[in-house]
Amino acid sequence: MVKQIGHIWMVLGIISLLCIDNAHAYIDPGTGAMLLQALLAAGVAVLAFWRQIKNFVSIHFFRKSADSSKSGDSE
């Protein structure tokens, strides 16, 4: 029952977001600069830690395929 209510609220929220007319909003230069700075910082962080990110993903998501290929080589 509680899950159904949560799903109903989620569907209503998505529908309300999709039915929005023009917001007539304005992003001032300070906000635009802050967004640009955040994007650039995220890009630099990914570049700086690329090796660690790649190792983490390969260990946690591709471990089973690596283990099965190792066991196949030893037979």
PDB file of N, CA and C in Angstrom:
ATOM      1  N   MET A   1       0.822  -1.196   0.000  1.00  0.00           N
ATOM      2  CA  MET A   1       0.000   0.000   0.000  1.00  0.00           C
ATOM      3  C   MET A   1       0.863   1.255   0.000  1.00  0.00           C
ATOM      4  N   VAL A   2       1.903   1.242   0.858  1.00  0.00           N
ATOM      5  CA  VAL A   2       2.775   2.413   0.946  1.00  0.00           C
ATOM      6  C   VAL A   2       3.574   2.584  -0.348  1.00  0.00           C
ATOM      7  N   LYS A   3       3.996   1.444  -0.939  1.00  0.00           N
ATOM      8  CA  LYS A   3       4.740   1.526  -2.197  1.00  0.00           C
ATOM      9  C   LYS A   3       3.864   2.099  -3.313  1.00  0.00           C
ATOM     10  N   GLN A   4       2.585   1.718  -3.314  1.00  0.00           N
ATOM     11  CA  GLN A   4       1.680   2.225  -4.345  1.00  0.00           C
ATOM     12  C   GLN A   4       1.503   3.733  -4.212  1.00  0.00           C
ATOM     13  N   ILE A   5       1.399   4.218  -2.989  1.00  0.00           N
ATOM     14  CA  ILE A   5       1.264   5.657  -2.778  1.00  0.00           C
ATOM     15  C   ILE A   5       2.529   6.371  -3.242  1.00  0.00           C
ATOM     16  N   GLY A   6       3.705   5.789  -2.948  1.00  0.00           N
ATOM     17  CA  GLY A   6       4.963   6.372  -3.405  1.00  0.00           C
ATOM     18  C   GLY A   6       5.056   6.418  -4.917  1.00  0.00           C
ATOM     19  N   HIS A   7       4.610   5.338  -5.564  1.00  0.00           N
ATOM     20  CA  HIS A   7       4.634   5.306  -7.029  1.00  0.00           C
ATOM     21  C   HIS A   7       3.675   6.331  -7.621  1.00  0.00           C
ATOM     22  N   ILE A   8       2.523   6.479  -6.990  1.00  0.00           N
ATOM     23  CA  ILE A   8       1.553   7.470  -7.480  1.00  0.00           C
ATOM     24  C   ILE A   8       2.139   8.869  -7.394  1.00  0.00           C
ATOM     25  N   TRP A   9       2.779   9.198  -6.261  1.00  0.00           N
ATOM     26  CA  TRP A   9       3.391  10.518  -6.107  1.00  0.00           C
ATOM     27  C   TRP A   9       4.519  10.722  -7.117  1.00  0.00           C
ATOM     28  N   MET A  10       5.299   9.652  -7.376  1.00  0.00           N
ATOM     29  CA  MET A  10       6.385   9.770  -8.334  1.00  0.00           C
ATOM     30  C   MET A  10       5.841  10.034  -9.739  1.00  0.00           C
ATOM     31  N   VAL A  11       4.799   9.317 -10.129  1.00  0.00           N
ATOM     32  CA  VAL A  11       4.198   9.520 -11.453  1.00  0.00           C
ATOM     33  C   VAL A  11       3.600  10.918 -11.559  1.00  0.00           C
ATOM     34  N   LEU A  12       2.920  11.367 -10.510  1.00  0.00           N
ATOM     35  CA  LEU A  12       2.356  12.720 -10.535  1.00  0.00           C
ATOM     36  C   LEU A  12       3.460  13.779 -10.616  1.00  0.00           C
ATOM     37  N   GLY A  13       4.568  13.566  -9.927  1.00  0.00           N
ATOM     38  CA  GLY A  13       5.682  14.503  -9.994  1.00  0.00           C
ATOM     39  C   GLY A  13       6.283  14.566 -11.387  1.00  0.00           C
ATOM     40  N   ILE A  14       6.470  13.406 -12.013  1.00  0.00           N
ATOM     41  CA  ILE A  14       7.024  13.376 -13.373  1.00  0.00           C
ATOM     42  C   ILE A  14       6.079  14.052 -14.355  1.00  0.00           C
ATOM     43  N   ILE A  15       4.787  13.784 -14.226  1.00  0.00           N
ATOM     44  CA  ILE A  15       3.811  14.415 -15.117  1.00  0.00           C
ATOM     45  C   ILE A  15       3.813  15.929 -14.929  1.00  0.00           C
ATOM     46  N   SER A  16       3.907  16.375 -13.678  1.00  0.00           N
ATOM     47  CA  SER A  16       3.908  17.818 -13.449  1.00  0.00           C
ATOM     48  C   SER A  16       5.164  18.477 -14.010  1.00  0.00           C
ATOM     49  N   LEU A  17       6.298  17.767 -13.984  1.00  0.00           N
ATOM     50  CA  LEU A  17       7.510  18.326 -14.571  1.00  0.00           C
ATOM     51  C   LEU A  17       7.439  18.378 -16.090  1.00  0.00           C
ATOM     52  N   LEU A  18       6.780  17.414 -16.697  1.00  0.00           N
ATOM     53  CA  LEU A  18       6.677  17.375 -18.152  1.00  0.00           C
ATOM     54  C   LEU A  18       5.665  18.370 -18.701  1.00  0.00           C
ATOM     55  N   CYS A  19       4.750  18.824 -17.871  1.00  0.00           N
ATOM     56  CA  CYS A  19       3.683  19.723 -18.334  1.00  0.00           C
ATOM     57  C   CYS A  19       3.947  21.185 -18.003  1.00  0.00           C
ATOM     58  N   ILE A  20       5.179  21.530 -17.700  1.00  0.00           N
ATOM     59  CA  ILE A  20       5.501  22.912 -17.334  1.00  0.00           C
ATOM     60  C   ILE A  20       5.599  23.767 -18.593  1.00  0.00           C
ATOM     61  N   ASP A  21       4.995  24.937 -18.551  1.00  0.00           N
ATOM     62  CA  ASP A  21       5.131  25.896 -19.646  1.00  0.00           C
ATOM     63  C   ASP A  21       6.465  26.631 -19.490  1.00  0.00           C
ATOM     64  N   ASN A  22       6.641  27.699 -20.237  1.00  0.00           N
ATOM     65  CA  ASN A  22       7.852  28.489 -20.126  1.00  0.00           C
ATOM     66  C   ASN A  22       8.041  28.990 -18.702  1.00  0.00           C
ATOM     67  N   ALA A  23       9.271  28.917 -18.215  1.00  0.00           N
ATOM     68  CA  ALA A  23       9.536  29.309 -16.833  1.00  0.00           C
ATOM     69  C   ALA A  23       9.802  30.801 -16.723  1.00  0.00           C
ATOM     70  N   HIS A  24      10.166  31.460 -17.814  1.00  0.00           N
ATOM     71  CA  HIS A  24      10.536  32.867 -17.800  1.00  0.00           C
ATOM     72  C   HIS A  24      11.624  33.119 -16.759  1.00  0.00           C
ATOM     73  N   ALA A  25      12.601  32.209 -16.739  1.00  0.00           N
ATOM     74  CA  ALA A  25      13.678  32.288 -15.756  1.00  0.00           C
ATOM     75  C   ALA A  25      14.899  32.964 -16.375  1.00  0.00           C
ATOM     76  N   TYR A  26      15.774  33.411 -15.523  1.00  0.00           N
ATOM     77  CA  TYR A  26      16.980  34.104 -15.947  1.00  0.00           C
ATOM     78  C   TYR A  26      18.154  33.557 -15.141  1.00  0.00           C
ATOM     79  N   ILE A  27      19.197  33.172 -15.837  1.00  0.00           N
ATOM     80  CA  ILE A  27      20.415  32.733 -15.161  1.00  0.00           C
ATOM     81  C   ILE A  27      21.408  33.874 -15.273  1.00  0.00           C
ATOM     82  N   ASP A  28      21.737  34.461 -14.155  1.00  0.00           N
ATOM     83  CA  ASP A  28      22.655  35.596 -14.179  1.00  0.00           C
ATOM     84  C   ASP A  28      24.085  35.115 -14.417  1.00  0.00           C
ATOM     85  N   PRO A  29      24.997  36.011 -14.771  1.00  0.00           N
ATOM     86  CA  PRO A  29      26.367  35.611 -15.074  1.00  0.00           C
ATOM     87  C   PRO A  29      27.070  34.907 -13.909  1.00  0.00           C
ATOM     88  N   GLY A  30      26.755  35.273 -12.683  1.00  0.00           N
ATOM     89  CA  GLY A  30      27.379  34.617 -11.530  1.00  0.00           C
ATOM     90  C   GLY A  30      27.004  33.147 -11.442  1.00  0.00           C
ATOM     91  N   THR A  31      25.739  32.850 -11.688  1.00  0.00           N
ATOM     92  CA  THR A  31      25.275  31.467 -11.658  1.00  0.00           C
ATOM     93  C   THR A  31      25.867  30.682 -12.818  1.00  0.00           C
ATOM     94  N   GLY A  32      25.917  31.292 -13.992  1.00  0.00           N
ATOM     95  CA  GLY A  32      26.517  30.623 -15.143  1.00  0.00           C
ATOM     96  C   GLY A  32      27.986  30.328 -14.915  1.00  0.00           C
ATOM     97  N   ALA A  33      28.705  31.264 -14.307  1.00  0.00           N
ATOM     98  CA  ALA A  33      30.120  31.042 -14.011  1.00  0.00           C
ATOM     99  C   ALA A  33      30.283  29.934 -12.982  1.00  0.00           C
ATOM    100  N   MET A  34      29.400  29.873 -12.007  1.00  0.00           N
ATOM    101  CA  MET A  34      29.476  28.828 -10.996  1.00  0.00           C
ATOM    102  C   MET A  34      29.224  27.455 -11.616  1.00  0.00           C
ATOM    103  N   LEU A  35      28.246  27.348 -12.518  1.00  0.00           N
ATOM    104  CA  LEU A  35      27.983  26.083 -13.198  1.00  0.00           C
ATOM    105  C   LEU A  35      29.159  25.670 -14.074  1.00  0.00           C
ATOM    106  N   LEU A  36      29.737  26.618 -14.791  1.00  0.00           N
ATOM    107  CA  LEU A  36      30.895  26.331 -15.623  1.00  0.00           C
ATOM    108  C   LEU A  36      32.078  25.870 -14.768  1.00  0.00           C
ATOM    109  N   GLN A  37      32.300  26.509 -13.641  1.00  0.00           N
ATOM    110  CA  GLN A  37      33.386  26.132 -12.742  1.00  0.00           C
ATOM    111  C   GLN A  37      33.172  24.713 -12.203  1.00  0.00           C
ATOM    112  N   ALA A  38      31.940  24.369 -11.861  1.00  0.00           N
ATOM    113  CA  ALA A  38      31.652  23.031 -11.353  1.00  0.00           C
ATOM    114  C   ALA A  38      31.905  21.971 -12.423  1.00  0.00           C
ATOM    115  N   LEU A  39      31.505  22.247 -13.662  1.00  0.00           N
ATOM    116  CA  LEU A  39      31.749  21.307 -14.755  1.00  0.00           C
ATOM    117  C   LEU A  39      33.240  21.131 -15.028  1.00  0.00           C
ATOM    118  N   LEU A  40      33.971  22.240 -15.027  1.00  0.00           N
ATOM    119  CA  LEU A  40      35.416  22.152 -15.248  1.00  0.00           C
ATOM    120  C   LEU A  40      36.112  21.407 -14.113  1.00  0.00           C
ATOM    121  N   ALA A  41      35.705  21.644 -12.882  1.00  0.00           N
ATOM    122  CA  ALA A  41      36.299  20.947 -11.740  1.00  0.00           C
ATOM    123  C   ALA A  41      36.021  19.449 -11.810  1.00  0.00           C
ATOM    124  N   ALA A  42      34.813  19.075 -12.211  1.00  0.00           N
ATOM    125  CA  ALA A  42      34.489  17.656 -12.349  1.00  0.00           C
ATOM    126  C   ALA A  42      35.338  17.015 -13.443  1.00  0.00           C
ATOM    127  N   GLY A  43      35.534  17.717 -14.550  1.00  0.00           N
ATOM    128  CA  GLY A  43      36.375  17.190 -15.626  1.00  0.00           C
ATOM    129  C   GLY A  43      37.820  17.016 -15.202  1.00  0.00           C
ATOM    130  N   VAL A  44      38.361  17.985 -14.491  1.00  0.00           N
ATOM    131  CA  VAL A  44      39.746  17.885 -14.011  1.00  0.00           C
ATOM    132  C   VAL A  44      39.887  16.753 -13.004  1.00  0.00           C
ATOM    133  N   ALA A  45      38.885  16.574 -12.142  1.00  0.00           N
ATOM    134  CA  ALA A  45      38.931  15.495 -11.153  1.00  0.00           C
ATOM    135  C   ALA A  45      38.923  14.132 -11.835  1.00  0.00           C
ATOM    136  N   VAL A  46      38.104  13.988 -12.874  1.00  0.00           N
ATOM    137  CA  VAL A  46      38.072  12.712 -13.601  1.00  0.00           C
ATOM    138  C   VAL A  46      39.414  12.471 -14.270  1.00  0.00           C
ATOM    139  N   LEU A  47      39.994  13.492 -14.880  1.00  0.00           N
ATOM    140  CA  LEU A  47      41.301  13.321 -15.514  1.00  0.00           C
ATOM    141  C   LEU A  47      42.389  12.984 -14.498  1.00  0.00           C
ATOM    142  N   ALA A  48      42.344  13.628 -13.341  1.00  0.00           N
ATOM    143  CA  ALA A  48      43.376  13.412 -12.333  1.00  0.00           C
ATOM    144  C   ALA A  48      43.285  12.014 -11.725  1.00  0.00           C
ATOM    145  N   PHE A  49      42.094  11.493 -11.571  1.00  0.00           N
ATOM    146  CA  PHE A  49      41.918  10.202 -10.921  1.00  0.00           C
ATOM    147  C   PHE A  49      41.469   9.121 -11.884  1.00  0.00           C
ATOM    148  N   TRP A  50      41.761   9.258 -13.175  1.00  0.00           N
ATOM    149  CA  TRP A  50      41.281   8.315 -14.176  1.00  0.00           C
ATOM    150  C   TRP A  50      41.760   6.902 -13.899  1.00  0.00           C
ATOM    151  N   ARG A  51      43.006   6.722 -13.526  1.00  0.00           N
ATOM    152  CA  ARG A  51      43.553   5.382 -13.286  1.00  0.00           C
ATOM    153  C   ARG A  51      42.815   4.715 -12.121  1.00  0.00           C
ATOM    154  N   GLN A  52      42.576   5.457 -11.034  1.00  0.00           N
ATOM    155  CA  GLN A  52      41.873   4.883  -9.892  1.00  0.00           C
ATOM    156  C   GLN A  52      40.420   4.556 -10.238  1.00  0.00           C
ATOM    157  N   ILE A  53      39.780   5.420 -11.020  1.00  0.00           N
ATOM    158  CA  ILE A  53      38.396   5.178 -11.426  1.00  0.00           C
ATOM    159  C   ILE A  53      38.324   3.927 -12.296  1.00  0.00           C
ATOM    160  N   LYS A  54      39.247   3.807 -13.249  1.00  0.00           N
ATOM    161  CA  LYS A  54      39.269   2.658 -14.144  1.00  0.00           C
ATOM    162  C   LYS A  54      39.516   1.365 -13.373  1.00  0.00           C
ATOM    163  N   ASN A  55      40.453   1.385 -12.424  1.00  0.00           N
ATOM    164  CA  ASN A  55      40.715   0.202 -11.615  1.00  0.00           C
ATOM    165  C   ASN A  55      39.516  -0.175 -10.759  1.00  0.00           C
ATOM    166  N   PHE A  56      38.862   0.809 -10.149  1.00  0.00           N
ATOM    167  CA  PHE A  56      37.689   0.549  -9.325  1.00  0.00           C
ATOM    168  C   PHE A  56      36.586  -0.108 -10.147  1.00  0.00           C
ATOM    169  N   VAL A  57      36.319   0.437 -11.326  1.00  0.00           N
ATOM    170  CA  VAL A  57      35.251  -0.108 -12.169  1.00  0.00           C
ATOM    171  C   VAL A  57      35.612  -1.513 -12.632  1.00  0.00           C
ATOM    172  N   SER A  58      36.853  -1.733 -13.040  1.00  0.00           N
ATOM    173  CA  SER A  58      37.236  -3.062 -13.524  1.00  0.00           C
ATOM    174  C   SER A  58      37.203  -4.094 -12.408  1.00  0.00           C
ATOM    175  N   ILE A  59      37.569  -3.709 -11.192  1.00  0.00           N
ATOM    176  CA  ILE A  59      37.551  -4.658 -10.075  1.00  0.00           C
ATOM    177  C   ILE A  59      36.125  -4.990  -9.663  1.00  0.00           C
ATOM    178  N   HIS A  60      35.278  -3.990  -9.544  1.00  0.00           N
ATOM    179  CA  HIS A  60      33.943  -4.214  -8.992  1.00  0.00           C
ATOM    180  C   HIS A  60      32.911  -4.680 -10.016  1.00  0.00           C
ATOM    181  N   PHE A  61      33.103  -4.399 -11.286  1.00  0.00           N
ATOM    182  CA  PHE A  61      32.091  -4.772 -12.263  1.00  0.00           C
ATOM    183  C   PHE A  61      32.522  -5.887 -13.201  1.00  0.00           C
ATOM    184  N   PHE A  62      33.811  -6.125 -13.342  1.00  0.00           N
ATOM    185  CA  PHE A  62      34.275  -7.139 -14.283  1.00  0.00           C
ATOM    186  C   PHE A  62      35.068  -8.235 -13.596  1.00  0.00           C
ATOM    187  N   ARG A  63      34.908  -8.371 -12.296  1.00  0.00           N
ATOM    188  CA  ARG A  63      35.662  -9.368 -11.544  1.00  0.00           C
ATOM    189  C   ARG A  63      35.258 -10.775 -11.949  1.00  0.00           C
ATOM    190  N   LYS A  64      33.962 -11.048 -12.129  1.00  0.00           N
ATOM    191  CA  LYS A  64      33.494 -12.398 -12.427  1.00  0.00           C
ATOM    192  C   LYS A  64      34.042 -12.891 -13.760  1.00  0.00           C
ATOM    193  N   SER A  65      34.048 -12.036 -14.766  1.00  0.00           N
ATOM    194  CA  SER A  65      34.561 -12.464 -16.067  1.00  0.00           C
ATOM    195  C   SER A  65      36.062 -12.697 -16.006  1.00  0.00           C
ATOM    196  N   ALA A  66      36.774 -11.923 -15.201  1.00  0.00           N
ATOM    197  CA  ALA A  66      38.217 -12.119 -15.058  1.00  0.00           C
ATOM    198  C   ALA A  66      38.500 -13.405 -14.300  1.00  0.00           C
ATOM    199  N   ASP A  67      37.720 -13.725 -13.253  1.00  0.00           N
ATOM    200  CA  ASP A  67      37.916 -14.948 -12.493  1.00  0.00           C
ATOM    201  C   ASP A  67      37.625 -16.186 -13.334  1.00  0.00           C
ATOM    202  N   SER A  68      36.594 -16.131 -14.168  1.00  0.00           N
ATOM    203  CA  SER A  68      36.252 -17.279 -14.991  1.00  0.00           C
ATOM    204  C   SER A  68      37.308 -17.517 -16.064  1.00  0.00           C
ATOM    205  N   SER A  69      37.913 -16.446 -16.596  1.00  0.00           N
ATOM    206  CA  SER A  69      38.960 -16.654 -17.592  1.00  0.00           C
ATOM    207  C   SER A  69      40.231 -17.191 -16.953  1.00  0.00           C
ATOM    208  N   LYS A  70      40.514 -16.802 -15.702  1.00  0.00           N
ATOM    209  CA  LYS A  70      41.680 -17.352 -15.013  1.00  0.00           C
ATOM    210  C   LYS A  70      41.495 -18.833 -14.715  1.00  0.00           C
ATOM    211  N   SER A  71      40.295 -19.242 -14.306  1.00  0.00           N
ATOM    212  CA  SER A  71      40.057 -20.642 -13.997  1.00  0.00           C
ATOM    213  C   SER A  71      40.105 -21.471 -15.285  1.00  0.00           C
ATOM    214  N   GLY A  72      39.721 -20.917 -16.410  1.00  0.00           N
ATOM    215  CA  GLY A  72      39.791 -21.624 -17.678  1.00  0.00           C
ATOM    216  C   GLY A  72      41.217 -21.810 -18.145  1.00  0.00           C
ATOM    217  N   ASP A  73      42.117 -20.876 -17.821  1.00  0.00           N
ATOM    218  CA  ASP A  73      43.514 -21.008 -18.225  1.00  0.00           C
ATOM    219  C   ASP A  73      44.252 -22.061 -17.418  1.00  0.00           C
ATOM    220  N   SER A  74      43.854 -22.275 -16.169  1.00  0.00           N
ATOM    221  CA  SER A  74      44.574 -23.202 -15.324  1.00  0.00           C
ATOM    222  C   SER A  74      44.202 -24.642 -15.586  1.00  0.00           C
ATOM    223  N   GLU A  75      43.126 -24.917 -16.313  1.00  0.00           N
ATOM    224  CA  GLU A  75      42.720 -26.301 -16.560  1.00  0.00           C
ATOM    225  C   GLU A  75      43.468 -26.907 -17.671  1.00  0.00           C
TER     226      GLU A  75
END
